[in-house]
């Protein structure tokens, strides 16, 4: 699940990457890989171009 999310992220498809990381966390709530990757995705979306 996390591997699929990573591939989507590398391909520039953040929406699907986020969906797969979130699903990974539903199945494996202690996954630090998915937690960290999702935080990085969210940080990228919340940054402003000031």
N, C-alpha and C. Protein backbone atom coordinates (compact mmCIF):
# COMPACT_ATOMS: atom_id res chain seq x y z
N UNK A 1 0.83 -1.18 0.00
CA UNK A 1 0.00 0.00 0.00
C UNK A 1 0.88 1.26 0.00
N UNK A 2 1.87 1.28 0.87
CA UNK A 2 2.77 2.44 0.92
C UNK A 2 3.59 2.54 -0.36
N UNK A 3 3.95 1.42 -0.94
CA UNK A 3 4.72 1.45 -2.19
C UNK A 3 3.90 2.06 -3.32
N UNK A 4 2.63 1.71 -3.40
CA UNK A 4 1.76 2.30 -4.42
C UNK A 4 1.65 3.80 -4.21
N UNK A 5 1.49 4.21 -2.96
CA UNK A 5 1.41 5.64 -2.64
C UNK A 5 2.68 6.36 -3.06
N UNK A 6 3.82 5.76 -2.77
CA UNK A 6 5.11 6.35 -3.14
C UNK A 6 5.19 6.52 -4.66
N UNK A 7 4.78 5.51 -5.40
CA UNK A 7 4.82 5.59 -6.87
C UNK A 7 3.94 6.72 -7.38
N UNK A 8 2.74 6.85 -6.82
CA UNK A 8 1.86 7.95 -7.22
C UNK A 8 2.51 9.30 -6.91
N UNK A 9 3.13 9.39 -5.74
CA UNK A 9 3.78 10.65 -5.38
C UNK A 9 4.91 10.98 -6.35
N UNK A 10 5.70 9.99 -6.71
CA UNK A 10 6.80 10.21 -7.64
C UNK A 10 6.31 10.59 -9.03
N UNK A 11 5.13 10.12 -9.39
CA UNK A 11 4.55 10.44 -10.69
C UNK A 11 3.83 11.80 -10.67
N UNK A 12 3.79 12.44 -9.49
CA UNK A 12 3.15 13.75 -9.39
C UNK A 12 1.67 13.71 -9.12
N UNK A 13 1.15 12.53 -8.76
CA UNK A 13 -0.28 12.37 -8.49
C UNK A 13 -0.51 12.39 -6.98
N UNK A 14 -0.49 13.58 -6.41
CA UNK A 14 -0.62 13.73 -4.97
C UNK A 14 -1.94 13.24 -4.41
N UNK A 15 -3.01 13.39 -5.18
CA UNK A 15 -4.33 12.97 -4.69
C UNK A 15 -4.37 11.47 -4.46
N UNK A 16 -3.87 10.70 -5.42
CA UNK A 16 -3.85 9.24 -5.23
C UNK A 16 -2.82 8.83 -4.20
N UNK A 17 -1.70 9.51 -4.15
CA UNK A 17 -0.69 9.20 -3.13
C UNK A 17 -1.29 9.38 -1.74
N UNK A 18 -1.97 10.49 -1.54
CA UNK A 18 -2.61 10.77 -0.25
C UNK A 18 -3.64 9.68 0.08
N UNK A 19 -4.45 9.32 -0.92
CA UNK A 19 -5.47 8.29 -0.71
C UNK A 19 -4.84 6.97 -0.26
N UNK A 20 -3.75 6.57 -0.89
CA UNK A 20 -3.11 5.30 -0.54
C UNK A 20 -2.38 5.38 0.80
N UNK A 21 -1.75 6.50 1.11
CA UNK A 21 -1.11 6.64 2.42
C UNK A 21 -2.17 6.61 3.53
N UNK A 22 -3.30 7.27 3.30
CA UNK A 22 -4.37 7.25 4.29
C UNK A 22 -4.92 5.85 4.48
N UNK A 23 -5.08 5.11 3.40
CA UNK A 23 -5.56 3.72 3.49
C UNK A 23 -4.53 2.87 4.23
N UNK A 24 -3.27 3.10 3.96
CA UNK A 24 -2.19 2.38 4.64
C UNK A 24 -2.29 2.62 6.15
N UNK A 25 -2.56 3.85 6.54
CA UNK A 25 -2.68 4.16 7.97
C UNK A 25 -3.92 3.54 8.59
N UNK A 26 -4.97 3.34 7.81
CA UNK A 26 -6.15 2.64 8.32
C UNK A 26 -5.80 1.19 8.64
N UNK A 27 -5.01 0.58 7.75
CA UNK A 27 -4.64 -0.83 7.94
C UNK A 27 -3.49 -1.00 8.92
N UNK A 28 -2.56 -0.05 8.91
CA UNK A 28 -1.35 -0.12 9.74
C UNK A 28 -1.17 1.22 10.45
N UNK A 29 -1.94 1.48 11.50
CA UNK A 29 -1.92 2.79 12.14
C UNK A 29 -0.57 3.20 12.73
N UNK A 30 0.33 2.26 12.96
CA UNK A 30 1.64 2.59 13.52
C UNK A 30 2.71 2.81 12.45
N UNK A 31 2.31 2.84 11.19
CA UNK A 31 3.28 2.99 10.10
C UNK A 31 3.90 4.38 10.11
N UNK A 32 5.15 4.45 10.53
CA UNK A 32 5.85 5.73 10.53
C UNK A 32 6.14 6.18 9.10
N UNK A 33 6.35 5.25 8.20
CA UNK A 33 6.59 5.59 6.80
C UNK A 33 5.39 6.34 6.23
N UNK A 34 4.20 5.78 6.40
CA UNK A 34 2.99 6.42 5.87
C UNK A 34 2.70 7.73 6.58
N UNK A 35 2.91 7.77 7.90
CA UNK A 35 2.67 8.99 8.67
C UNK A 35 3.58 10.11 8.18
N UNK A 36 4.85 9.81 8.04
CA UNK A 36 5.82 10.82 7.61
C UNK A 36 5.56 11.27 6.18
N UNK A 37 5.31 10.32 5.29
CA UNK A 37 5.07 10.66 3.89
C UNK A 37 3.81 11.51 3.74
N UNK A 38 2.77 11.17 4.49
CA UNK A 38 1.53 11.94 4.42
C UNK A 38 1.76 13.35 4.96
N UNK A 39 2.54 13.48 6.03
CA UNK A 39 2.86 14.81 6.56
C UNK A 39 3.63 15.63 5.53
N UNK A 40 4.53 14.99 4.81
CA UNK A 40 5.30 15.70 3.76
C UNK A 40 4.39 16.13 2.63
N UNK A 41 3.47 15.27 2.24
CA UNK A 41 2.51 15.65 1.19
C UNK A 41 1.67 16.84 1.65
N UNK A 42 1.20 16.77 2.88
CA UNK A 42 0.36 17.86 3.40
C UNK A 42 1.16 19.15 3.53
N UNK A 43 2.41 19.05 3.91
CA UNK A 43 3.25 20.25 4.01
C UNK A 43 3.43 20.89 2.64
N UNK A 44 3.54 20.08 1.62
CA UNK A 44 3.69 20.60 0.26
C UNK A 44 2.45 21.31 -0.23
N UNK A 45 1.28 20.86 0.22
CA UNK A 45 0.04 21.48 -0.21
C UNK A 45 -0.28 22.73 0.58
N UNK A 46 0.21 22.79 1.82
CA UNK A 46 -0.12 23.92 2.68
C UNK A 46 0.89 25.06 2.56
N UNK A 47 1.94 24.88 1.79
CA UNK A 47 2.93 25.95 1.67
C UNK A 47 2.39 27.05 0.76
N UNK A 48 2.76 28.29 1.08
CA UNK A 48 2.31 29.40 0.26
C UNK A 48 3.48 29.94 -0.55
N UNK A 49 3.15 30.59 -1.63
CA UNK A 49 4.16 31.20 -2.49
C UNK A 49 4.29 32.68 -2.15
N UNK A 50 4.79 32.99 -1.00
CA UNK A 50 4.88 34.38 -0.55
C UNK A 50 6.06 35.10 -1.12
